[in-house]
N, C-alpha and C. Protein backbone atom coordinates (compact mmCIF):
# COMPACT_ATOMS: atom_id res chain seq x y z
N MET A 1 0.72 -1.24 0.07
CA MET A 1 0.00 -0.11 -0.05
C MET A 1 0.81 1.11 0.03
N GLU A 2 0.33 2.28 -0.43
CA GLU A 2 1.00 3.55 -0.69
C GLU A 2 0.49 4.72 0.29
N TYR A 3 1.29 5.38 0.90
CA TYR A 3 0.88 6.55 1.78
C TYR A 3 1.41 7.76 1.31
N PHE A 4 0.90 8.84 1.17
CA PHE A 4 1.16 9.87 0.86
C PHE A 4 0.61 11.26 1.41
N ASN A 5 1.74 11.96 1.92
CA ASN A 5 1.43 13.20 2.62
C ASN A 5 0.57 13.01 3.83
N GLN A 6 0.73 12.00 4.67
CA GLN A 6 -0.24 11.55 5.76
C GLN A 6 0.69 11.76 7.29
N MET A 7 -0.03 11.79 8.21
CA MET A 7 0.53 12.13 9.45
C MET A 7 0.03 10.72 10.15
N PHE A 8 1.20 10.20 10.86
CA PHE A 8 1.05 9.02 11.78
C PHE A 8 1.04 9.23 13.22
N ALA A 9 0.37 9.35 14.13
CA ALA A 9 0.41 9.45 15.35
C ALA A 9 -0.17 8.53 16.10
N PRO A 10 -0.02 8.25 17.68
CA PRO A 10 -0.57 7.19 18.31
C PRO A 10 -2.09 6.98 18.26
N SER A 11 -3.03 8.17 18.13
CA SER A 11 -4.24 8.17 18.11
C SER A 11 -4.78 7.84 16.56
N ASP A 12 -3.92 7.57 15.63
CA ASP A 12 -4.33 7.32 14.28
C ASP A 12 -4.18 5.76 13.95
N THR A 13 -4.83 5.25 12.95
CA THR A 13 -4.93 4.09 12.50
C THR A 13 -3.39 3.95 11.74
N LEU A 14 -2.72 2.67 12.36
CA LEU A 14 -1.22 2.68 11.91
C LEU A 14 -1.51 1.30 10.89
N PRO A 15 -0.48 1.26 9.94
CA PRO A 15 -0.38 0.11 9.21
C PRO A 15 -0.19 -1.12 10.16
N ASP A 16 -1.03 -2.21 9.71
CA ASP A 16 -0.91 -3.54 10.48
C ASP A 16 0.58 -4.05 10.29
N CYS A 17 0.89 -3.83 8.83
CA CYS A 17 2.44 -4.38 8.65
C CYS A 17 3.14 -3.42 7.85
N TRP A 18 4.29 -2.83 8.38
CA TRP A 18 5.19 -1.94 7.85
C TRP A 18 6.01 -2.65 6.75
N ASN A 19 6.14 -3.59 6.61
CA ASN A 19 7.21 -4.39 5.72
C ASN A 19 6.67 -4.00 4.09
N GLY A 20 7.49 -3.59 3.39
CA GLY A 20 7.18 -3.31 2.00
C GLY A 20 6.17 -2.31 1.75
N GLN A 21 6.02 -1.42 2.67
CA GLN A 21 5.06 -0.28 2.47
C GLN A 21 5.86 0.95 1.97
N ASP A 22 5.04 1.62 1.30
CA ASP A 22 5.59 3.03 0.66
C ASP A 22 5.05 4.29 1.35
N PHE A 23 5.99 5.04 1.69
CA PHE A 23 5.47 6.18 2.44
C PHE A 23 6.36 7.32 1.92
N GLU A 24 5.52 8.45 1.49
CA GLU A 24 6.21 9.66 0.85
C GLU A 24 5.61 10.84 1.50
N GLN A 25 6.43 11.49 1.75
CA GLN A 25 6.21 13.10 2.35
C GLN A 25 5.23 12.75 3.72
N CYS A 26 5.41 11.68 4.39
CA CYS A 26 4.75 11.50 5.53
C CYS A 26 5.45 11.75 6.80
N THR A 27 4.61 12.16 8.00
CA THR A 27 5.09 12.65 9.28
C THR A 27 4.88 11.35 10.20
N PHE A 28 5.65 11.12 11.20
CA PHE A 28 5.47 9.97 12.25
C PHE A 28 5.85 10.94 13.62
N ARG A 29 4.76 10.82 14.44
CA ARG A 29 4.88 11.68 15.47
C ARG A 29 4.75 10.69 16.80
N ASN A 30 5.56 10.94 17.85
CA ASN A 30 5.30 9.98 19.04
C ASN A 30 4.93 8.73 18.96
N LEU A 31 5.64 7.86 17.91
CA LEU A 31 5.37 6.47 17.86
C LEU A 31 6.52 5.61 18.45
N ASP A 32 5.97 4.63 19.17
CA ASP A 32 7.07 3.66 19.44
C ASP A 32 7.05 2.53 18.51
N LEU A 33 8.02 2.43 17.89
CA LEU A 33 8.38 1.51 16.83
C LEU A 33 9.77 0.61 17.27
N SER A 34 9.85 0.51 18.31
CA SER A 34 10.98 -0.23 18.83
C SER A 34 10.70 -1.87 18.48
N ARG A 35 11.80 -2.45 17.89
CA ARG A 35 11.74 -3.67 17.49
C ARG A 35 10.72 -4.06 16.41
N THR A 36 10.27 -3.07 15.74
CA THR A 36 9.39 -3.31 14.81
C THR A 36 10.09 -3.45 13.40
N SER A 37 9.46 -4.40 12.46
CA SER A 37 10.32 -4.77 11.22
C SER A 37 9.71 -3.55 10.24
N LEU A 38 10.73 -2.77 9.66
CA LEU A 38 10.60 -1.70 8.66
C LEU A 38 10.97 -2.32 7.40
N SER A 39 11.53 -3.65 7.37
CA SER A 39 12.12 -4.10 6.23
C SER A 39 11.57 -4.13 4.93
N GLY A 40 12.13 -3.59 3.90
CA GLY A 40 11.63 -3.43 2.61
C GLY A 40 10.54 -2.22 2.48
N ALA A 41 10.43 -1.44 3.53
CA ALA A 41 9.70 -0.19 3.34
C ALA A 41 10.41 0.91 2.67
N ASN A 42 9.65 1.77 2.05
CA ASN A 42 10.29 2.74 1.36
C ASN A 42 9.82 4.20 2.04
N PHE A 43 10.70 4.96 2.53
CA PHE A 43 10.41 6.12 3.15
C PHE A 43 10.97 7.31 2.39
N ILE A 44 10.44 8.10 1.84
CA ILE A 44 10.80 9.12 0.86
C ILE A 44 10.22 10.59 1.30
N ASN A 45 11.29 11.47 1.69
CA ASN A 45 10.80 12.75 2.01
C ASN A 45 10.09 12.66 3.34
N CYS A 46 10.52 11.91 4.30
CA CYS A 46 9.37 11.73 5.65
C CYS A 46 10.18 12.29 6.67
N ARG A 47 9.46 12.40 7.80
CA ARG A 47 9.94 12.87 9.13
C ARG A 47 9.42 12.18 10.08
N PHE A 48 10.60 11.68 11.16
CA PHE A 48 10.04 11.04 12.35
C PHE A 48 10.30 12.14 13.50
N ASP A 49 9.31 12.42 14.21
CA ASP A 49 9.35 13.34 15.41
C ASP A 49 8.92 12.65 16.80
N ALA A 50 9.99 12.69 17.62
CA ALA A 50 9.75 11.95 19.11
C ALA A 50 9.35 10.73 18.88
N CYS A 51 9.88 9.77 18.01
CA CYS A 51 9.67 8.26 17.84
C CYS A 51 10.82 7.50 18.38
N VAL A 52 10.27 6.47 18.78
CA VAL A 52 11.36 5.28 19.35
C VAL A 52 11.42 4.09 18.17
N LEU A 53 12.59 4.12 17.87
CA LEU A 53 12.84 3.04 16.83
C LEU A 53 14.08 2.06 17.20
N THR A 54 14.18 2.23 18.61
CA THR A 54 15.29 1.18 19.09
C THR A 54 14.99 -0.30 18.65
N GLN A 55 16.21 -0.64 18.15
CA GLN A 55 16.30 -1.99 17.49
C GLN A 55 15.40 -2.40 16.37
N ALA A 56 14.93 -1.22 15.88
CA ALA A 56 14.08 -1.59 14.48
C ALA A 56 14.68 -2.13 13.44
N GLU A 57 14.00 -3.06 12.76
CA GLU A 57 14.70 -3.72 11.72
C GLU A 57 14.57 -3.03 10.50
N VAL A 58 15.75 -2.61 9.88
CA VAL A 58 15.53 -1.96 8.68
C VAL A 58 16.29 -2.62 7.35
N LYS A 59 16.21 -3.78 7.26
CA LYS A 59 16.77 -4.52 6.32
C LYS A 59 16.05 -4.15 4.79
N ASN A 60 16.92 -3.61 3.92
CA ASN A 60 16.37 -3.12 2.55
C ASN A 60 15.32 -2.06 2.71
N ALA A 61 15.26 -1.52 3.76
CA ALA A 61 14.58 -0.22 3.85
C ALA A 61 14.99 0.91 2.83
N LYS A 62 14.28 1.60 2.32
CA LYS A 62 14.88 2.84 1.66
C LYS A 62 14.48 3.96 2.47
N LEU A 63 15.81 4.80 2.80
CA LEU A 63 15.37 5.98 3.72
C LEU A 63 16.07 6.90 2.71
N TYR A 64 15.18 7.79 1.92
CA TYR A 64 15.60 8.82 0.98
C TYR A 64 15.19 10.25 1.61
N ASP A 65 15.99 10.84 1.82
CA ASP A 65 15.78 12.30 2.55
C ASP A 65 14.92 12.09 3.68
N VAL A 66 15.19 11.36 4.66
CA VAL A 66 14.41 11.22 5.65
C VAL A 66 15.07 12.03 7.17
N ASN A 67 14.41 12.78 7.64
CA ASN A 67 14.69 13.59 9.03
C ASN A 67 14.13 12.83 10.19
N PHE A 68 15.26 12.73 11.09
CA PHE A 68 14.70 12.25 12.35
C PHE A 68 15.11 13.42 13.46
N ALA A 69 14.00 13.67 14.32
CA ALA A 69 14.20 14.49 15.41
C ALA A 69 13.45 14.19 16.60
N SER A 70 14.47 14.28 17.52
CA SER A 70 14.18 13.95 19.01
C SER A 70 13.72 12.54 19.06
N CYS A 71 14.38 11.66 18.30
CA CYS A 71 13.94 10.19 18.23
C CYS A 71 15.06 9.54 18.76
N LYS A 72 14.90 8.02 19.49
CA LYS A 72 15.72 7.22 19.77
C LYS A 72 15.78 6.18 18.74
N LEU A 73 17.13 5.79 18.46
CA LEU A 73 17.32 5.03 17.39
C LEU A 73 18.53 4.04 17.82
N MET A 74 18.65 3.62 19.04
CA MET A 74 19.73 3.05 19.48
C MET A 74 19.62 1.49 18.91
N TYR A 75 20.89 1.04 18.50
CA TYR A 75 21.08 -0.17 17.95
C TYR A 75 20.56 -0.80 16.67
N VAL A 76 20.29 0.47 15.91
CA VAL A 76 19.76 0.33 14.64
C VAL A 76 20.84 0.09 13.58
N ASP A 77 20.76 -0.94 12.76
CA ASP A 77 21.89 -1.18 11.70
C ASP A 77 21.68 -0.70 10.52
N PHE A 78 21.98 0.76 10.26
CA PHE A 78 21.69 1.34 8.98
C PHE A 78 22.28 0.93 7.87
N GLY A 79 23.53 -0.12 8.11
CA GLY A 79 24.07 -0.65 7.07
C GLY A 79 23.27 -1.77 6.31
N ALA A 80 22.16 -2.11 6.79
CA ALA A 80 21.07 -3.12 6.27
C ALA A 80 20.07 -2.54 5.41
N CYS A 81 20.27 -1.16 5.26
CA CYS A 81 19.25 -0.36 4.59
C CYS A 81 19.37 -0.64 2.98
N ASN A 82 18.54 -0.20 2.24
CA ASN A 82 18.94 -0.03 0.91
C ASN A 82 19.71 1.08 0.59
N PRO A 83 20.84 0.76 -0.02
CA PRO A 83 21.83 1.91 -0.28
C PRO A 83 21.48 2.96 -1.25
N PHE A 84 20.59 2.56 -2.32
CA PHE A 84 20.11 3.28 -3.17
C PHE A 84 19.37 4.73 -2.66
N GLY A 85 19.99 5.90 -2.78
CA GLY A 85 19.40 7.12 -2.33
C GLY A 85 19.39 7.38 -0.90
N PHE A 86 20.16 6.61 -0.14
CA PHE A 86 20.11 6.53 1.12
C PHE A 86 20.55 8.06 1.81
N HIS A 87 19.87 8.79 2.26
CA HIS A 87 19.98 10.34 2.84
C HIS A 87 19.40 10.45 4.15
N VAL A 88 19.95 10.50 5.03
CA VAL A 88 19.40 10.97 6.42
C VAL A 88 20.01 12.00 7.26
N ASP A 89 19.28 12.68 8.13
CA ASP A 89 19.58 13.79 8.87
C ASP A 89 19.10 13.46 10.45
N PHE A 90 19.92 13.80 11.42
CA PHE A 90 19.59 13.49 12.77
C PHE A 90 19.64 14.80 13.52
N GLU A 91 18.68 15.13 14.44
CA GLU A 91 18.63 16.18 15.12
C GLU A 91 18.13 15.83 16.56
N ASP A 92 18.86 16.26 17.72
CA ASP A 92 18.56 15.77 18.99
C ASP A 92 17.94 14.35 19.07
N CYS A 93 18.89 13.51 18.53
CA CYS A 93 18.51 12.03 18.63
C CYS A 93 19.52 11.20 19.43
N GLN A 94 19.08 10.12 19.70
CA GLN A 94 20.05 9.17 20.63
C GLN A 94 20.08 8.00 19.80
N LEU A 95 21.45 7.71 19.26
CA LEU A 95 21.84 6.93 18.08
C LEU A 95 22.81 5.96 18.71
N ASP A 96 22.79 5.75 20.11
CA ASP A 96 24.02 4.91 20.71
C ASP A 96 23.86 3.47 19.94
N TYR A 97 25.02 3.03 19.82
CA TYR A 97 25.20 1.55 19.30
C TYR A 97 24.55 1.44 17.87
N ALA A 98 24.37 2.25 17.15
CA ALA A 98 24.20 2.28 15.94
C ALA A 98 25.02 1.87 15.06
N ILE A 99 24.99 1.19 13.75
CA ILE A 99 25.77 0.89 12.94
C ILE A 99 25.54 1.56 11.43
N PHE A 100 26.65 2.17 10.95
CA PHE A 100 26.64 2.70 9.69
C PHE A 100 27.88 2.14 8.89
N LEU A 101 27.46 0.99 7.99
CA LEU A 101 28.34 0.41 7.37
C LEU A 101 28.14 0.51 5.73
N ASP A 102 29.22 0.84 5.07
CA ASP A 102 29.24 0.94 3.73
C ASP A 102 28.10 2.02 3.24
N ARG A 103 27.85 3.03 4.01
CA ARG A 103 26.91 4.07 3.69
C ARG A 103 27.48 5.22 3.03
N LYS A 104 26.65 5.95 2.19
CA LYS A 104 27.07 7.20 1.68
C LYS A 104 26.24 8.12 2.51
N LEU A 105 26.89 9.03 3.19
CA LEU A 105 26.32 9.96 4.11
C LEU A 105 26.65 11.45 3.85
N LYS A 106 26.98 11.62 2.48
CA LYS A 106 27.52 12.81 2.15
C LYS A 106 26.39 14.01 2.62
N LYS A 107 27.10 15.04 3.17
CA LYS A 107 26.36 16.18 3.79
C LYS A 107 25.27 15.81 4.64
N SER A 108 25.52 14.57 5.18
CA SER A 108 24.18 14.48 6.33
C SER A 108 24.55 15.27 7.43
N ARG A 109 23.61 15.50 8.37
CA ARG A 109 23.63 16.37 9.56
C ARG A 109 23.40 15.57 10.96
N PHE A 110 24.30 15.56 11.79
CA PHE A 110 24.04 14.97 12.93
C PHE A 110 24.08 16.14 14.10
N VAL A 111 22.91 16.69 14.69
CA VAL A 111 23.01 17.68 15.37
C VAL A 111 22.60 17.60 16.82
N ASP A 112 23.36 17.97 17.81
CA ASP A 112 22.80 17.53 19.29
C ASP A 112 22.48 16.11 19.43
N CYS A 113 23.24 15.37 18.90
CA CYS A 113 22.93 13.75 18.92
C CYS A 113 23.92 13.07 19.98
N SER A 114 23.49 11.99 20.56
CA SER A 114 24.33 11.06 21.47
C SER A 114 24.77 10.02 20.32
N LEU A 115 26.11 9.82 20.01
CA LEU A 115 26.37 8.86 19.17
C LEU A 115 27.31 7.76 19.87
N ARG A 116 27.00 7.62 21.27
CA ARG A 116 28.08 6.63 22.02
C ARG A 116 27.87 5.34 21.18
N GLU A 117 29.29 5.14 20.99
CA GLU A 117 29.68 3.49 20.66
C GLU A 117 29.09 3.27 19.29
N VAL A 118 28.81 4.44 18.55
CA VAL A 118 28.18 3.99 16.90
C VAL A 118 29.60 3.59 16.08
N GLN A 119 29.23 2.85 15.24
CA GLN A 119 30.16 2.47 14.46
C GLN A 119 29.97 2.93 12.89
N PHE A 120 31.02 3.75 12.35
CA PHE A 120 31.03 4.32 11.11
C PHE A 120 32.29 3.55 10.48
N LEU A 121 31.84 2.69 9.59
CA LEU A 121 32.75 1.70 8.88
C LEU A 121 32.66 1.62 7.25
N ASN A 122 33.79 2.26 6.66
CA ASN A 122 33.79 2.25 5.24
C ASN A 122 32.81 3.12 4.61
N CYS A 123 32.63 4.30 5.35
CA CYS A 123 31.41 5.23 4.84
C CYS A 123 32.07 6.60 4.18
N ASP A 124 31.28 7.23 3.40
CA ASP A 124 31.63 8.28 2.71
C ASP A 124 30.81 9.46 3.43
N LEU A 125 31.51 10.07 4.24
CA LEU A 125 30.92 11.25 5.05
C LEU A 125 31.30 12.51 4.63
N THR A 126 31.46 12.79 3.44
CA THR A 126 31.98 14.08 2.93
C THR A 126 31.13 15.16 3.18
N GLY A 127 31.59 16.34 3.82
CA GLY A 127 30.78 17.26 4.30
C GLY A 127 29.82 17.19 5.21
N THR A 128 29.78 16.23 5.89
CA THR A 128 28.89 15.93 7.13
C THR A 128 29.21 16.61 8.17
N VAL A 129 28.07 17.16 9.09
CA VAL A 129 28.22 18.11 10.14
C VAL A 129 27.91 17.36 11.40
N PHE A 130 28.80 17.23 12.23
CA PHE A 130 28.44 16.59 13.50
C PHE A 130 28.53 17.87 14.66
N GLY A 131 27.31 18.38 14.82
CA GLY A 131 27.07 19.65 15.54
C GLY A 131 26.90 19.14 16.93
N ARG A 132 27.75 19.58 17.95
CA ARG A 132 27.48 19.41 19.42
C ARG A 132 26.99 17.97 19.57
N CYS A 133 27.94 16.94 19.13
CA CYS A 133 27.38 15.49 19.36
C CYS A 133 28.31 14.79 20.36
N ASN A 134 27.94 14.01 21.14
CA ASN A 134 28.64 13.15 21.96
C ASN A 134 29.14 11.85 21.17
N LEU A 135 30.50 11.72 20.99
CA LEU A 135 30.96 10.82 20.05
C LEU A 135 31.87 9.79 20.91
N GLU A 136 31.51 9.79 22.22
CA GLU A 136 32.33 8.77 23.11
C GLU A 136 32.29 7.18 22.55
N LEU A 137 33.28 6.82 22.48
CA LEU A 137 33.67 5.43 21.86
C LEU A 137 33.18 5.23 20.65
N ALA A 138 32.78 6.40 19.66
CA ALA A 138 32.33 6.08 18.39
C ALA A 138 33.43 5.38 17.59
N ARG A 139 33.40 4.71 16.87
CA ARG A 139 34.53 4.00 15.94
C ARG A 139 34.31 4.48 14.57
N PHE A 140 35.34 5.11 14.12
CA PHE A 140 35.49 5.50 12.79
C PHE A 140 36.64 4.79 12.07
N GLU A 141 36.38 3.91 11.11
CA GLU A 141 37.47 3.19 10.25
C GLU A 141 37.12 3.15 8.80
N LYS A 142 38.01 3.43 8.11
CA LYS A 142 38.15 3.34 6.63
C LYS A 142 36.99 4.22 5.92
N ASN A 143 36.88 5.64 6.47
CA ASN A 143 35.85 6.14 6.10
C ASN A 143 36.39 7.39 5.37
N ASN A 144 35.94 8.18 4.33
CA ASN A 144 36.19 9.36 3.87
C ASN A 144 35.41 10.37 4.91
N LEU A 145 36.27 11.13 5.49
CA LEU A 145 36.00 12.28 6.47
C LEU A 145 36.40 13.54 6.02
N SER A 146 36.51 13.65 4.66
CA SER A 146 37.03 14.98 4.08
C SER A 146 35.81 16.11 4.31
N GLN A 147 36.01 17.15 4.60
CA GLN A 147 35.33 18.34 4.79
C GLN A 147 34.21 18.10 5.97
N VAL A 148 34.58 17.15 6.82
CA VAL A 148 33.69 16.85 8.01
C VAL A 148 33.84 17.85 8.97
N ASP A 149 32.74 18.37 9.73
CA ASP A 149 32.81 19.45 10.59
C ASP A 149 32.77 18.64 12.06
N PHE A 150 33.51 18.48 12.73
CA PHE A 150 33.81 17.88 14.08
C PHE A 150 33.88 18.95 15.33
N SER A 151 33.89 20.19 14.62
CA SER A 151 34.50 21.29 15.64
C SER A 151 33.60 21.36 16.91
N SER A 152 32.38 21.49 16.99
CA SER A 152 31.67 21.51 18.17
C SER A 152 31.52 20.34 18.89
N SER A 153 31.71 19.06 18.22
CA SER A 153 31.51 17.71 19.04
C SER A 153 32.49 17.43 20.09
N TYR A 154 32.15 16.50 20.95
CA TYR A 154 33.21 16.00 22.03
C TYR A 154 33.32 14.53 22.18
N ASN A 155 34.14 14.42 23.01
CA ASN A 155 34.65 12.87 23.12
C ASN A 155 35.04 12.13 21.80
N LEU A 156 35.56 12.93 20.91
CA LEU A 156 36.07 12.15 19.81
C LEU A 156 37.25 11.42 19.82
N GLY A 157 37.29 10.35 19.22
CA GLY A 157 38.47 9.51 19.02
C GLY A 157 38.43 8.95 17.90
N LEU A 158 39.62 9.39 17.20
CA LEU A 158 39.73 8.53 15.90
C LEU A 158 41.04 8.47 15.29
N ASP A 159 41.33 7.44 14.63
CA ASP A 159 42.78 7.36 14.02
C ASP A 159 43.02 7.92 12.60
N PRO A 160 43.61 9.08 12.55
CA PRO A 160 43.84 9.84 11.36
C PRO A 160 44.42 8.88 10.23
N ASP A 161 45.17 7.80 10.74
CA ASP A 161 45.48 6.81 9.64
C ASP A 161 44.61 6.04 9.05
N GLU A 162 43.60 5.76 9.72
CA GLU A 162 42.41 4.98 9.31
C GLU A 162 41.50 5.50 8.73
N ASN A 163 41.52 7.00 8.18
CA ASN A 163 40.43 7.61 7.54
C ASN A 163 41.22 8.85 6.81
N LYS A 164 40.29 9.09 5.75
CA LYS A 164 40.85 10.33 4.84
C LYS A 164 40.11 11.67 5.58
N LEU A 165 40.95 12.44 5.87
CA LEU A 165 40.64 13.66 6.64
C LEU A 165 40.83 14.95 6.13
N LYS A 166 40.95 15.05 4.69
CA LYS A 166 41.37 16.14 4.16
C LYS A 166 40.42 17.38 4.30
N LYS A 167 40.85 18.59 4.79
CA LYS A 167 39.96 19.70 5.26
C LYS A 167 38.83 19.45 6.31
N ALA A 168 39.15 18.21 7.04
CA ALA A 168 38.14 18.04 8.07
C ALA A 168 38.52 19.20 9.14
N ARG A 169 37.35 19.73 9.95
CA ARG A 169 37.45 20.52 11.03
C ARG A 169 37.37 19.93 12.26
N PHE A 170 38.36 20.42 13.05
CA PHE A 170 38.39 19.97 14.50
C PHE A 170 38.56 21.04 15.38
N SER A 171 38.16 21.30 16.54
CA SER A 171 38.78 22.11 17.46
C SER A 171 39.95 21.71 18.50
N LEU A 172 40.41 22.48 18.95
CA LEU A 172 41.62 22.16 19.82
C LEU A 172 41.27 21.06 20.98
N HIS A 173 39.93 21.29 21.36
CA HIS A 173 39.64 20.00 22.38
C HIS A 173 39.28 18.58 21.70
N ASN A 174 39.33 18.67 20.46
CA ASN A 174 39.37 17.37 19.81
C ASN A 174 40.68 16.76 19.66
N LEU A 175 41.63 17.45 19.78
CA LEU A 175 43.20 17.10 19.63
C LEU A 175 43.51 15.86 20.30
N PRO A 176 43.16 15.69 21.76
CA PRO A 176 43.58 14.49 22.33
C PRO A 176 42.91 13.27 21.84
N GLY A 177 41.94 13.37 21.28
CA GLY A 177 41.35 12.06 20.63
C GLY A 177 41.70 11.97 19.25
N LEU A 178 42.33 12.67 18.77
CA LEU A 178 43.16 12.35 17.37
C LEU A 178 44.58 11.86 17.57
N LEU A 179 45.10 11.92 18.75
CA LEU A 179 46.56 11.62 18.93
C LEU A 179 46.41 10.53 20.07
N LYS A 180 45.41 9.75 20.38
CA LYS A 180 45.13 8.88 21.29
C LYS A 180 46.20 7.82 21.21
N LYS A 181 46.38 7.34 19.89
CA LYS A 181 46.95 6.06 19.55
C LYS A 181 48.48 6.16 19.90
N TYR A 182 48.89 7.39 20.10
CA TYR A 182 50.32 7.79 20.58
C TYR A 182 50.72 7.82 21.91
N ASP A 183 49.54 7.71 22.69
CA ASP A 183 49.87 7.37 24.34
C ASP A 183 50.46 8.79 24.90
N LEU A 184 50.09 9.85 24.41
CA LEU A 184 50.65 11.11 24.81
C LEU A 184 49.99 11.83 25.81
N ILE A 185 50.55 12.62 26.51
CA ILE A 185 49.97 13.31 27.79
C ILE A 185 49.99 14.55 27.30
N ILE A 186 48.66 15.22 26.98
CA ILE A 186 48.63 16.62 26.57
C ILE A 186 48.00 17.48 27.86
N THR A 187 48.44 18.51 27.82
CA THR A 187 48.13 19.53 29.07
C THR A 187 47.71 20.96 28.38
N GLU A 188 46.86 21.62 29.10
CA GLU A 188 46.71 23.00 28.57
C GLU A 188 47.72 24.06 29.09
């Protein structure tokens, strides 16, 4: 079934099955979709507001220009999503323990997010903004981080030898996390 320009809230009639459904220009508000299978669903130009999607299954789900605001997306494996047209933005979201594997995240926005122990592996993050994000124990390996803005984020730790960092932006308080592998003691 196809849904166009609809609002979904707890008081609305929700789809019995989310698998394989098509949603275009839809808004999802205050829904608890934790552990829900969204496999094969297509979300195009959609917005999720204050939704819980913890451990949601997103195998082959299409996320094309999808915005998440004030959502909980812990343990979501975005690497399982359909890679075609994949583009997501996050604001004030909790993405702890999420996985981004082999994703093109060019110019995505992560603003005021908790990204504790998130894994970014073999991703193209060119031009992405990490604004005021907690990156505690986040793992960055084999990524293109060119022109990424980390300057206002904190608890960053990444190996510059494991990632492409051309023209990436950092603040002085990010430097200890960039030099961690050298076991240096840095003081002010």
